[in-house]
N, C-alpha and C. Protein backbone atom coordinates (compact mmCIF):
# COMPACT_ATOMS: atom_id res chain seq x y z
N MET A 1 -12.40 26.94 19.38
CA MET A 1 -12.42 28.22 20.07
C MET A 1 -13.62 28.20 21.02
N ASP A 2 -13.35 28.34 22.28
CA ASP A 2 -14.40 28.31 23.29
C ASP A 2 -14.61 29.69 23.89
N ILE A 3 -15.88 30.04 24.04
CA ILE A 3 -16.23 31.27 24.74
C ILE A 3 -16.56 30.86 26.17
N VAL A 4 -15.88 31.50 27.12
CA VAL A 4 -16.11 31.20 28.53
C VAL A 4 -16.40 32.50 29.27
N LYS A 5 -17.12 32.40 30.36
CA LYS A 5 -17.38 33.58 31.20
C LYS A 5 -16.25 33.66 32.23
N LYS A 6 -15.73 34.86 32.40
CA LYS A 6 -14.67 35.11 33.37
C LYS A 6 -15.05 36.29 34.25
N PRO A 7 -14.66 36.24 35.52
CA PRO A 7 -14.88 37.42 36.37
C PRO A 7 -14.16 38.63 35.78
N ILE A 8 -14.86 39.73 35.71
CA ILE A 8 -14.29 40.92 35.08
C ILE A 8 -13.05 41.41 35.82
N ASP A 9 -12.98 41.16 37.12
CA ASP A 9 -11.81 41.60 37.90
C ASP A 9 -10.55 40.80 37.59
N GLU A 10 -10.68 39.66 36.92
CA GLU A 10 -9.52 38.87 36.53
C GLU A 10 -8.92 39.34 35.20
N ILE A 11 -9.67 40.16 34.48
CA ILE A 11 -9.24 40.62 33.17
C ILE A 11 -8.48 41.93 33.31
N LYS A 12 -7.39 42.05 32.55
CA LYS A 12 -6.54 43.24 32.64
C LYS A 12 -6.48 43.94 31.28
N PRO A 13 -6.72 45.23 31.25
CA PRO A 13 -6.51 45.97 30.01
C PRO A 13 -5.02 45.95 29.65
N TYR A 14 -4.72 45.94 28.37
CA TYR A 14 -3.33 46.03 27.93
C TYR A 14 -2.88 47.46 28.19
N PRO A 15 -1.83 47.65 28.98
CA PRO A 15 -1.45 49.02 29.40
C PRO A 15 -0.96 49.91 28.27
N HIS A 16 -0.54 49.34 27.14
CA HIS A 16 0.00 50.15 26.04
C HIS A 16 -0.93 50.14 24.83
N ASN A 17 -2.22 49.91 25.07
CA ASN A 17 -3.17 49.89 23.97
C ASN A 17 -3.11 51.24 23.25
N PRO A 18 -2.79 51.23 21.94
CA PRO A 18 -2.62 52.50 21.23
C PRO A 18 -3.93 53.18 20.82
N ARG A 19 -5.03 52.48 20.96
CA ARG A 19 -6.32 53.06 20.56
C ARG A 19 -6.97 53.74 21.76
N ARG A 20 -7.39 54.97 21.61
CA ARG A 20 -8.06 55.71 22.68
C ARG A 20 -9.56 55.57 22.49
N ASN A 21 -10.25 55.06 23.51
CA ASN A 21 -11.65 54.70 23.35
C ASN A 21 -12.60 55.46 24.27
N ILE A 22 -12.12 56.43 25.00
CA ILE A 22 -12.93 57.10 26.02
C ILE A 22 -14.23 57.68 25.44
N ASP A 23 -14.17 58.21 24.21
CA ASP A 23 -15.36 58.82 23.61
C ASP A 23 -16.37 57.81 23.08
N THR A 24 -16.00 56.55 23.06
CA THR A 24 -16.87 55.51 22.50
C THR A 24 -17.56 54.70 23.59
N ILE A 25 -17.09 54.78 24.80
CA ILE A 25 -17.60 53.92 25.87
C ILE A 25 -19.10 54.10 26.07
N ASP A 26 -19.60 55.33 26.08
CA ASP A 26 -21.03 55.55 26.29
C ASP A 26 -21.87 54.92 25.17
N LYS A 27 -21.39 54.99 23.93
CA LYS A 27 -22.12 54.37 22.82
C LYS A 27 -22.16 52.85 22.98
N VAL A 28 -21.05 52.26 23.42
CA VAL A 28 -21.01 50.81 23.62
C VAL A 28 -21.88 50.43 24.81
N LYS A 29 -21.91 51.25 25.85
CA LYS A 29 -22.81 50.98 26.98
C LYS A 29 -24.26 50.96 26.51
N THR A 30 -24.63 51.92 25.67
CA THR A 30 -25.99 51.96 25.14
C THR A 30 -26.28 50.69 24.35
N SER A 31 -25.34 50.27 23.53
CA SER A 31 -25.51 49.06 22.74
C SER A 31 -25.65 47.83 23.62
N ILE A 32 -24.83 47.71 24.64
CA ILE A 32 -24.89 46.55 25.54
C ILE A 32 -26.23 46.54 26.28
N LYS A 33 -26.67 47.71 26.74
CA LYS A 33 -27.96 47.76 27.43
C LYS A 33 -29.10 47.35 26.51
N LYS A 34 -29.04 47.77 25.26
CA LYS A 34 -30.12 47.52 24.33
C LYS A 34 -30.09 46.11 23.74
N TYR A 35 -28.88 45.61 23.44
CA TYR A 35 -28.77 44.34 22.71
C TYR A 35 -28.09 43.22 23.49
N GLY A 36 -27.48 43.56 24.62
CA GLY A 36 -26.75 42.55 25.39
C GLY A 36 -25.27 42.55 25.03
N PHE A 37 -24.52 41.76 25.77
CA PHE A 37 -23.07 41.64 25.54
C PHE A 37 -22.88 40.47 24.60
N ASN A 38 -22.86 40.74 23.29
CA ASN A 38 -22.90 39.68 22.28
C ASN A 38 -21.59 39.43 21.56
N GLN A 39 -20.55 40.13 21.94
CA GLN A 39 -19.25 39.92 21.30
C GLN A 39 -18.21 39.76 22.41
N PRO A 40 -17.63 38.57 22.53
CA PRO A 40 -16.70 38.34 23.63
C PRO A 40 -15.43 39.16 23.49
N LEU A 41 -14.77 39.36 24.62
CA LEU A 41 -13.43 39.94 24.62
C LEU A 41 -12.48 38.85 24.17
N VAL A 42 -11.37 39.25 23.58
CA VAL A 42 -10.29 38.30 23.28
C VAL A 42 -9.15 38.64 24.23
N VAL A 43 -8.71 37.64 24.99
CA VAL A 43 -7.63 37.84 25.95
C VAL A 43 -6.52 36.83 25.66
N ASP A 44 -5.34 37.13 26.20
CA ASP A 44 -4.25 36.16 26.08
C ASP A 44 -4.27 35.25 27.31
N GLY A 45 -3.29 34.37 27.41
CA GLY A 45 -3.25 33.41 28.52
C GLY A 45 -3.14 34.04 29.89
N SER A 46 -2.66 35.27 29.97
CA SER A 46 -2.54 35.95 31.27
C SER A 46 -3.76 36.83 31.56
N MET A 47 -4.81 36.70 30.75
CA MET A 47 -6.08 37.44 30.88
C MET A 47 -5.92 38.93 30.56
N THR A 48 -4.91 39.26 29.75
CA THR A 48 -4.74 40.63 29.27
C THR A 48 -5.51 40.78 27.97
N ILE A 49 -6.24 41.87 27.85
CA ILE A 49 -7.09 42.08 26.68
C ILE A 49 -6.24 42.24 25.43
N VAL A 50 -6.61 41.48 24.41
CA VAL A 50 -6.05 41.64 23.08
C VAL A 50 -7.02 42.49 22.26
N VAL A 51 -8.29 42.12 22.28
CA VAL A 51 -9.34 42.83 21.55
C VAL A 51 -10.54 43.00 22.48
N GLY A 52 -11.05 44.21 22.55
CA GLY A 52 -12.28 44.44 23.31
C GLY A 52 -12.14 45.42 24.46
N HIS A 53 -11.17 46.31 24.40
CA HIS A 53 -10.98 47.27 25.48
C HIS A 53 -12.21 48.14 25.74
N THR A 54 -12.88 48.56 24.68
CA THR A 54 -14.05 49.43 24.85
C THR A 54 -15.20 48.65 25.47
N ARG A 55 -15.43 47.42 25.01
CA ARG A 55 -16.49 46.59 25.61
C ARG A 55 -16.17 46.32 27.07
N TYR A 56 -14.90 46.09 27.39
CA TYR A 56 -14.49 45.86 28.77
C TYR A 56 -14.81 47.09 29.63
N ALA A 57 -14.41 48.27 29.16
CA ALA A 57 -14.65 49.51 29.93
C ALA A 57 -16.15 49.75 30.10
N ALA A 58 -16.92 49.51 29.06
CA ALA A 58 -18.37 49.69 29.14
C ALA A 58 -18.97 48.71 30.16
N ALA A 59 -18.53 47.47 30.11
CA ALA A 59 -19.04 46.45 31.05
C ALA A 59 -18.69 46.82 32.48
N LYS A 60 -17.47 47.32 32.70
CA LYS A 60 -17.07 47.76 34.04
C LYS A 60 -18.00 48.87 34.53
N GLU A 61 -18.22 49.87 33.69
CA GLU A 61 -19.08 51.00 34.07
C GLU A 61 -20.53 50.56 34.31
N LEU A 62 -20.96 49.53 33.61
CA LEU A 62 -22.32 49.02 33.79
C LEU A 62 -22.44 48.07 34.99
N GLY A 63 -21.32 47.78 35.63
CA GLY A 63 -21.35 46.94 36.83
C GLY A 63 -21.35 45.44 36.57
N PHE A 64 -20.92 45.03 35.38
CA PHE A 64 -20.84 43.60 35.11
C PHE A 64 -19.82 42.96 36.06
N THR A 65 -20.13 41.77 36.52
CA THR A 65 -19.17 41.04 37.37
C THR A 65 -18.43 39.97 36.58
N GLU A 66 -19.00 39.56 35.43
CA GLU A 66 -18.31 38.64 34.54
C GLU A 66 -18.68 38.95 33.11
N VAL A 67 -17.78 38.57 32.19
CA VAL A 67 -17.99 38.84 30.77
C VAL A 67 -17.53 37.63 29.97
N PRO A 68 -18.08 37.47 28.76
CA PRO A 68 -17.63 36.38 27.90
C PRO A 68 -16.26 36.70 27.30
N VAL A 69 -15.40 35.70 27.26
CA VAL A 69 -14.06 35.89 26.69
C VAL A 69 -13.69 34.69 25.83
N ILE A 70 -12.80 34.94 24.92
CA ILE A 70 -12.11 33.90 24.17
C ILE A 70 -10.64 34.03 24.56
N VAL A 71 -10.06 32.95 25.00
CA VAL A 71 -8.63 32.96 25.32
C VAL A 71 -7.89 32.56 24.05
N ALA A 72 -7.18 33.53 23.46
CA ALA A 72 -6.48 33.31 22.20
C ALA A 72 -5.12 32.67 22.44
N ASP A 73 -4.77 31.78 21.55
CA ASP A 73 -3.46 31.13 21.61
C ASP A 73 -2.49 31.93 20.75
N LEU A 74 -2.07 33.07 21.27
CA LEU A 74 -1.16 33.97 20.55
C LEU A 74 0.06 34.27 21.39
N ASP A 75 1.21 34.35 20.74
CA ASP A 75 2.38 34.80 21.50
C ASP A 75 2.31 36.32 21.62
N GLU A 76 3.23 36.91 22.34
CA GLU A 76 3.18 38.35 22.63
C GLU A 76 3.20 39.20 21.37
N LYS A 77 4.05 38.87 20.41
CA LYS A 77 4.13 39.66 19.18
C LYS A 77 2.88 39.49 18.32
N GLN A 78 2.32 38.30 18.27
CA GLN A 78 1.08 38.08 17.54
C GLN A 78 -0.06 38.88 18.17
N ALA A 79 -0.11 38.87 19.50
CA ALA A 79 -1.16 39.61 20.21
C ALA A 79 -1.04 41.11 19.92
N ARG A 80 0.17 41.63 19.92
CA ARG A 80 0.37 43.05 19.63
C ARG A 80 -0.09 43.39 18.20
N ALA A 81 0.32 42.55 17.25
CA ALA A 81 -0.05 42.80 15.86
C ALA A 81 -1.56 42.68 15.66
N TYR A 82 -2.17 41.68 16.27
CA TYR A 82 -3.62 41.49 16.14
C TYR A 82 -4.38 42.64 16.78
N ARG A 83 -3.91 43.11 17.91
CA ARG A 83 -4.55 44.23 18.61
C ARG A 83 -4.59 45.45 17.69
N ILE A 84 -3.48 45.73 17.03
CA ILE A 84 -3.42 46.89 16.13
C ILE A 84 -4.30 46.66 14.90
N MET A 85 -4.19 45.46 14.30
CA MET A 85 -4.97 45.17 13.10
C MET A 85 -6.47 45.27 13.38
N ASP A 86 -6.91 44.74 14.51
CA ASP A 86 -8.33 44.77 14.83
C ASP A 86 -8.85 46.21 14.91
N ASN A 87 -8.05 47.10 15.43
CA ASN A 87 -8.45 48.50 15.53
C ASN A 87 -8.30 49.25 14.21
N LYS A 88 -7.37 48.83 13.38
CA LYS A 88 -7.11 49.52 12.11
C LYS A 88 -8.01 49.06 10.98
N ALA A 89 -8.47 47.82 11.03
CA ALA A 89 -9.20 47.24 9.90
C ALA A 89 -10.39 48.07 9.45
N HIS A 90 -11.09 48.70 10.38
CA HIS A 90 -12.28 49.47 9.98
C HIS A 90 -11.93 50.67 9.11
N ASP A 91 -10.68 51.12 9.15
CA ASP A 91 -10.27 52.25 8.30
C ASP A 91 -10.35 51.91 6.81
N PHE A 92 -10.36 50.64 6.48
CA PHE A 92 -10.35 50.22 5.08
C PHE A 92 -11.73 49.87 4.56
N THR A 93 -12.75 50.10 5.37
CA THR A 93 -14.11 49.81 4.93
C THR A 93 -14.82 51.11 4.58
N ARG A 94 -15.94 50.96 3.90
CA ARG A 94 -16.76 52.13 3.59
C ARG A 94 -18.22 51.70 3.64
N TRP A 95 -19.09 52.65 3.77
CA TRP A 95 -20.52 52.37 3.82
C TRP A 95 -21.12 52.43 2.43
N ASP A 96 -22.05 51.54 2.16
CA ASP A 96 -22.93 51.68 1.01
C ASP A 96 -24.08 52.54 1.52
N VAL A 97 -24.08 53.81 1.19
CA VAL A 97 -25.01 54.76 1.79
C VAL A 97 -26.46 54.43 1.46
N VAL A 98 -26.73 53.91 0.28
CA VAL A 98 -28.10 53.55 -0.09
C VAL A 98 -28.60 52.43 0.82
N ASP A 99 -27.81 51.37 0.97
CA ASP A 99 -28.21 50.26 1.84
C ASP A 99 -28.26 50.70 3.30
N LEU A 100 -27.30 51.52 3.72
CA LEU A 100 -27.29 52.00 5.10
C LEU A 100 -28.54 52.81 5.40
N LYS A 101 -28.92 53.69 4.48
CA LYS A 101 -30.13 54.49 4.67
C LYS A 101 -31.35 53.60 4.81
N LYS A 102 -31.47 52.59 3.95
CA LYS A 102 -32.60 51.66 4.05
C LYS A 102 -32.62 50.96 5.40
N GLU A 103 -31.46 50.52 5.86
CA GLU A 103 -31.39 49.84 7.15
C GLU A 103 -31.80 50.77 8.29
N ILE A 104 -31.28 51.99 8.28
CA ILE A 104 -31.59 52.94 9.35
C ILE A 104 -33.06 53.32 9.31
N GLU A 105 -33.61 53.55 8.11
CA GLU A 105 -35.03 53.92 8.00
C GLU A 105 -35.95 52.80 8.47
N SER A 106 -35.47 51.57 8.46
CA SER A 106 -36.31 50.45 8.89
C SER A 106 -36.32 50.27 10.40
N LEU A 107 -35.49 51.02 11.11
CA LEU A 107 -35.38 50.86 12.56
C LEU A 107 -36.38 51.75 13.29
N PRO A 108 -36.98 51.24 14.36
CA PRO A 108 -37.88 52.08 15.15
C PRO A 108 -37.12 53.08 16.02
N ASP A 109 -35.85 52.82 16.29
CA ASP A 109 -35.05 53.66 17.17
C ASP A 109 -33.61 53.63 16.67
N VAL A 110 -33.08 54.79 16.33
CA VAL A 110 -31.72 54.83 15.79
C VAL A 110 -30.67 55.20 16.83
N GLU A 111 -31.09 55.37 18.08
CA GLU A 111 -30.17 55.80 19.14
C GLU A 111 -28.98 54.86 19.29
N ALA A 112 -29.21 53.58 19.25
CA ALA A 112 -28.14 52.62 19.53
C ALA A 112 -27.40 52.17 18.28
N THR A 113 -27.46 52.95 17.19
CA THR A 113 -26.70 52.59 16.00
C THR A 113 -25.26 53.08 16.09
N GLY A 114 -25.01 54.03 16.98
CA GLY A 114 -23.67 54.57 17.11
C GLY A 114 -23.42 55.82 16.29
N PHE A 115 -24.36 56.19 15.42
CA PHE A 115 -24.17 57.38 14.60
C PHE A 115 -24.54 58.63 15.39
N ARG A 116 -23.79 59.70 15.14
CA ARG A 116 -24.11 61.00 15.72
C ARG A 116 -25.28 61.60 14.93
N LEU A 117 -25.98 62.55 15.53
CA LEU A 117 -27.13 63.16 14.86
C LEU A 117 -26.76 63.79 13.53
N LYS A 118 -25.62 64.48 13.46
CA LYS A 118 -25.26 65.11 12.19
C LYS A 118 -24.94 64.05 11.13
N GLU A 119 -24.44 62.88 11.53
CA GLU A 119 -24.22 61.80 10.57
C GLU A 119 -25.55 61.25 10.07
N LEU A 120 -26.52 61.14 10.96
CA LEU A 120 -27.85 60.69 10.56
C LEU A 120 -28.48 61.69 9.60
N ASP A 121 -28.26 62.99 9.84
CA ASP A 121 -28.73 64.01 8.90
C ASP A 121 -28.20 63.72 7.50
N ASP A 122 -26.90 63.48 7.41
CA ASP A 122 -26.26 63.23 6.12
C ASP A 122 -26.84 62.00 5.43
N ILE A 123 -27.13 60.97 6.21
CA ILE A 123 -27.62 59.71 5.64
C ILE A 123 -29.09 59.80 5.27
N LEU A 124 -29.90 60.30 6.19
CA LEU A 124 -31.35 60.28 5.99
C LEU A 124 -31.88 61.44 5.16
N PHE A 125 -31.18 62.58 5.18
CA PHE A 125 -31.67 63.77 4.48
C PHE A 125 -30.59 64.38 3.59
N PRO A 126 -30.05 63.61 2.65
CA PRO A 126 -28.96 64.14 1.82
C PRO A 126 -29.38 65.35 0.99
N GLU A 127 -30.67 65.46 0.70
CA GLU A 127 -31.14 66.59 -0.11
C GLU A 127 -31.02 67.92 0.61
N LEU A 128 -30.79 67.89 1.91
CA LEU A 128 -30.62 69.14 2.66
C LEU A 128 -29.22 69.72 2.47
N GLY A 129 -28.35 68.96 1.81
CA GLY A 129 -27.03 69.49 1.46
C GLY A 129 -26.07 69.59 2.61
N LEU A 130 -26.18 68.74 3.61
CA LEU A 130 -25.30 68.83 4.77
C LEU A 130 -24.00 68.06 4.58
N ILE A 131 -23.96 67.13 3.65
CA ILE A 131 -22.79 66.28 3.50
C ILE A 131 -21.58 67.11 3.14
N GLY A 132 -20.51 66.93 3.91
CA GLY A 132 -19.25 67.58 3.63
C GLY A 132 -19.19 69.04 4.01
N LYS A 133 -20.21 69.56 4.63
CA LYS A 133 -20.21 70.97 5.01
C LYS A 133 -19.95 71.11 6.51
N ASP A 134 -19.49 72.27 6.87
CA ASP A 134 -19.32 72.60 8.28
C ASP A 134 -20.72 72.77 8.86
N HIS A 135 -21.10 71.87 9.72
CA HIS A 135 -22.47 71.86 10.25
C HIS A 135 -22.79 73.07 11.11
N GLN A 136 -21.80 73.74 11.63
CA GLN A 136 -22.07 74.90 12.48
C GLN A 136 -22.42 76.13 11.62
N HIS A 137 -21.73 76.32 10.50
CA HIS A 137 -21.88 77.55 9.74
C HIS A 137 -22.81 77.44 8.54
N ASN A 138 -22.94 76.28 7.96
CA ASN A 138 -23.74 76.12 6.75
C ASN A 138 -24.96 75.24 6.97
N ARG A 139 -25.36 75.08 8.19
CA ARG A 139 -26.43 74.13 8.53
C ARG A 139 -27.79 74.64 8.07
N LYS A 140 -28.53 73.75 7.46
CA LYS A 140 -29.94 74.01 7.17
C LYS A 140 -30.70 73.28 8.26
N HIS A 141 -31.58 73.96 8.91
CA HIS A 141 -32.28 73.39 10.04
C HIS A 141 -33.51 72.62 9.59
N HIS A 142 -33.80 71.56 10.30
CA HIS A 142 -34.99 70.78 10.00
C HIS A 142 -35.52 70.17 11.29
N ILE A 143 -36.76 69.75 11.21
CA ILE A 143 -37.37 69.06 12.35
C ILE A 143 -37.93 67.73 11.86
N ILE A 144 -38.06 66.83 12.77
CA ILE A 144 -38.70 65.55 12.47
C ILE A 144 -39.93 65.47 13.36
N VAL A 145 -41.05 65.21 12.76
CA VAL A 145 -42.30 65.08 13.50
C VAL A 145 -42.79 63.65 13.31
N GLN A 146 -43.02 62.97 14.40
CA GLN A 146 -43.55 61.62 14.32
C GLN A 146 -45.06 61.67 14.40
N CYS A 147 -45.72 61.11 13.39
CA CYS A 147 -47.18 61.10 13.35
C CYS A 147 -47.67 59.66 13.48
N ASP A 148 -48.89 59.53 13.97
CA ASP A 148 -49.47 58.20 14.17
C ASP A 148 -50.14 57.66 12.91
N SER A 149 -50.41 58.54 11.94
CA SER A 149 -51.08 58.06 10.73
C SER A 149 -50.64 58.89 9.54
N ARG A 150 -50.90 58.35 8.37
CA ARG A 150 -50.60 59.06 7.13
C ARG A 150 -51.44 60.34 7.05
N GLU A 151 -52.67 60.28 7.50
CA GLU A 151 -53.56 61.45 7.49
C GLU A 151 -52.96 62.58 8.35
N ASP A 152 -52.49 62.24 9.55
CA ASP A 152 -51.86 63.25 10.42
C ASP A 152 -50.64 63.86 9.74
N MET A 153 -49.86 63.00 9.09
CA MET A 153 -48.65 63.47 8.43
C MET A 153 -49.00 64.43 7.30
N ASP A 154 -50.04 64.11 6.54
CA ASP A 154 -50.47 65.00 5.45
C ASP A 154 -50.93 66.35 6.00
N GLN A 155 -51.63 66.34 7.13
CA GLN A 155 -52.09 67.59 7.74
C GLN A 155 -50.90 68.44 8.21
N VAL A 156 -49.91 67.81 8.81
CA VAL A 156 -48.73 68.54 9.26
C VAL A 156 -48.02 69.16 8.06
N GLU A 157 -47.87 68.39 6.99
CA GLU A 157 -47.21 68.90 5.79
C GLU A 157 -47.97 70.09 5.22
N THR A 158 -49.28 70.01 5.17
CA THR A 158 -50.10 71.12 4.66
C THR A 158 -49.90 72.37 5.50
N ARG A 159 -49.92 72.23 6.82
CA ARG A 159 -49.74 73.39 7.71
C ARG A 159 -48.35 74.00 7.54
N ILE A 160 -47.34 73.16 7.38
CA ILE A 160 -45.98 73.68 7.20
C ILE A 160 -45.90 74.48 5.91
N LYS A 161 -46.46 73.97 4.84
CA LYS A 161 -46.42 74.67 3.56
C LYS A 161 -47.23 75.97 3.61
N GLN A 162 -48.34 75.97 4.38
CA GLN A 162 -49.15 77.18 4.52
C GLN A 162 -48.36 78.29 5.23
N LYS A 163 -47.40 77.90 6.08
CA LYS A 163 -46.59 78.89 6.78
C LYS A 163 -45.46 79.44 5.91
N GLY A 164 -45.35 78.93 4.67
CA GLY A 164 -44.37 79.47 3.74
C GLY A 164 -43.05 78.70 3.67
N PHE A 165 -42.94 77.60 4.35
CA PHE A 165 -41.73 76.81 4.25
C PHE A 165 -41.77 76.03 2.94
N LYS A 166 -40.68 76.11 2.18
CA LYS A 166 -40.67 75.55 0.83
C LYS A 166 -40.46 74.05 0.81
N LYS A 167 -39.55 73.57 1.63
CA LYS A 167 -39.22 72.14 1.56
C LYS A 167 -39.89 71.39 2.68
N CYS A 168 -40.60 70.37 2.31
CA CYS A 168 -41.21 69.49 3.29
C CYS A 168 -41.14 68.10 2.69
N ARG A 169 -40.67 67.15 3.44
CA ARG A 169 -40.48 65.80 2.93
C ARG A 169 -41.05 64.80 3.93
N GLN A 170 -41.76 63.83 3.43
CA GLN A 170 -42.31 62.78 4.28
C GLN A 170 -41.43 61.53 4.19
N SER A 171 -41.22 60.89 5.33
CA SER A 171 -40.47 59.63 5.36
C SER A 171 -41.18 58.68 6.29
N TRP A 172 -40.99 57.42 6.05
CA TRP A 172 -41.55 56.40 6.92
C TRP A 172 -40.41 55.56 7.44
N PHE A 173 -40.26 55.50 8.74
CA PHE A 173 -39.29 54.62 9.37
C PHE A 173 -39.64 54.40 10.80
């Protein structure tokens, strides 16, 4: 299996792709800007995308002139089945929330993880009781303050408690 660079204008999206990706393109653009284009598109012999429509759209919007591709040796029916399976497979996975929280807390910047803010709330602050609730009506509000030292963080916590707020939690990430 060879990864080759191809001009982006030679690549064609599959016109009947059943997965709608418009809401994901900005997240993938952020990822590509931050980490690079590290996962090639999979195309068939006619340069039609089998896997990677969202990465293709993000690369187009970012002005890429060429992208890495793998030319798959699949017939039309295999390509159709693989296209669907690749998009469906994630439905059968689940997160280990403990490990995910550790991974996220170890990052200096969580913007390019792909998680929405309310999802990060659920992962990082489960004690606030947001999981499974309607975030608009049952939301408990919180703030995150970044401090340069443990001493600063202790002072902020003391001031918050002096103002009568009951819950205050320190985290390091």
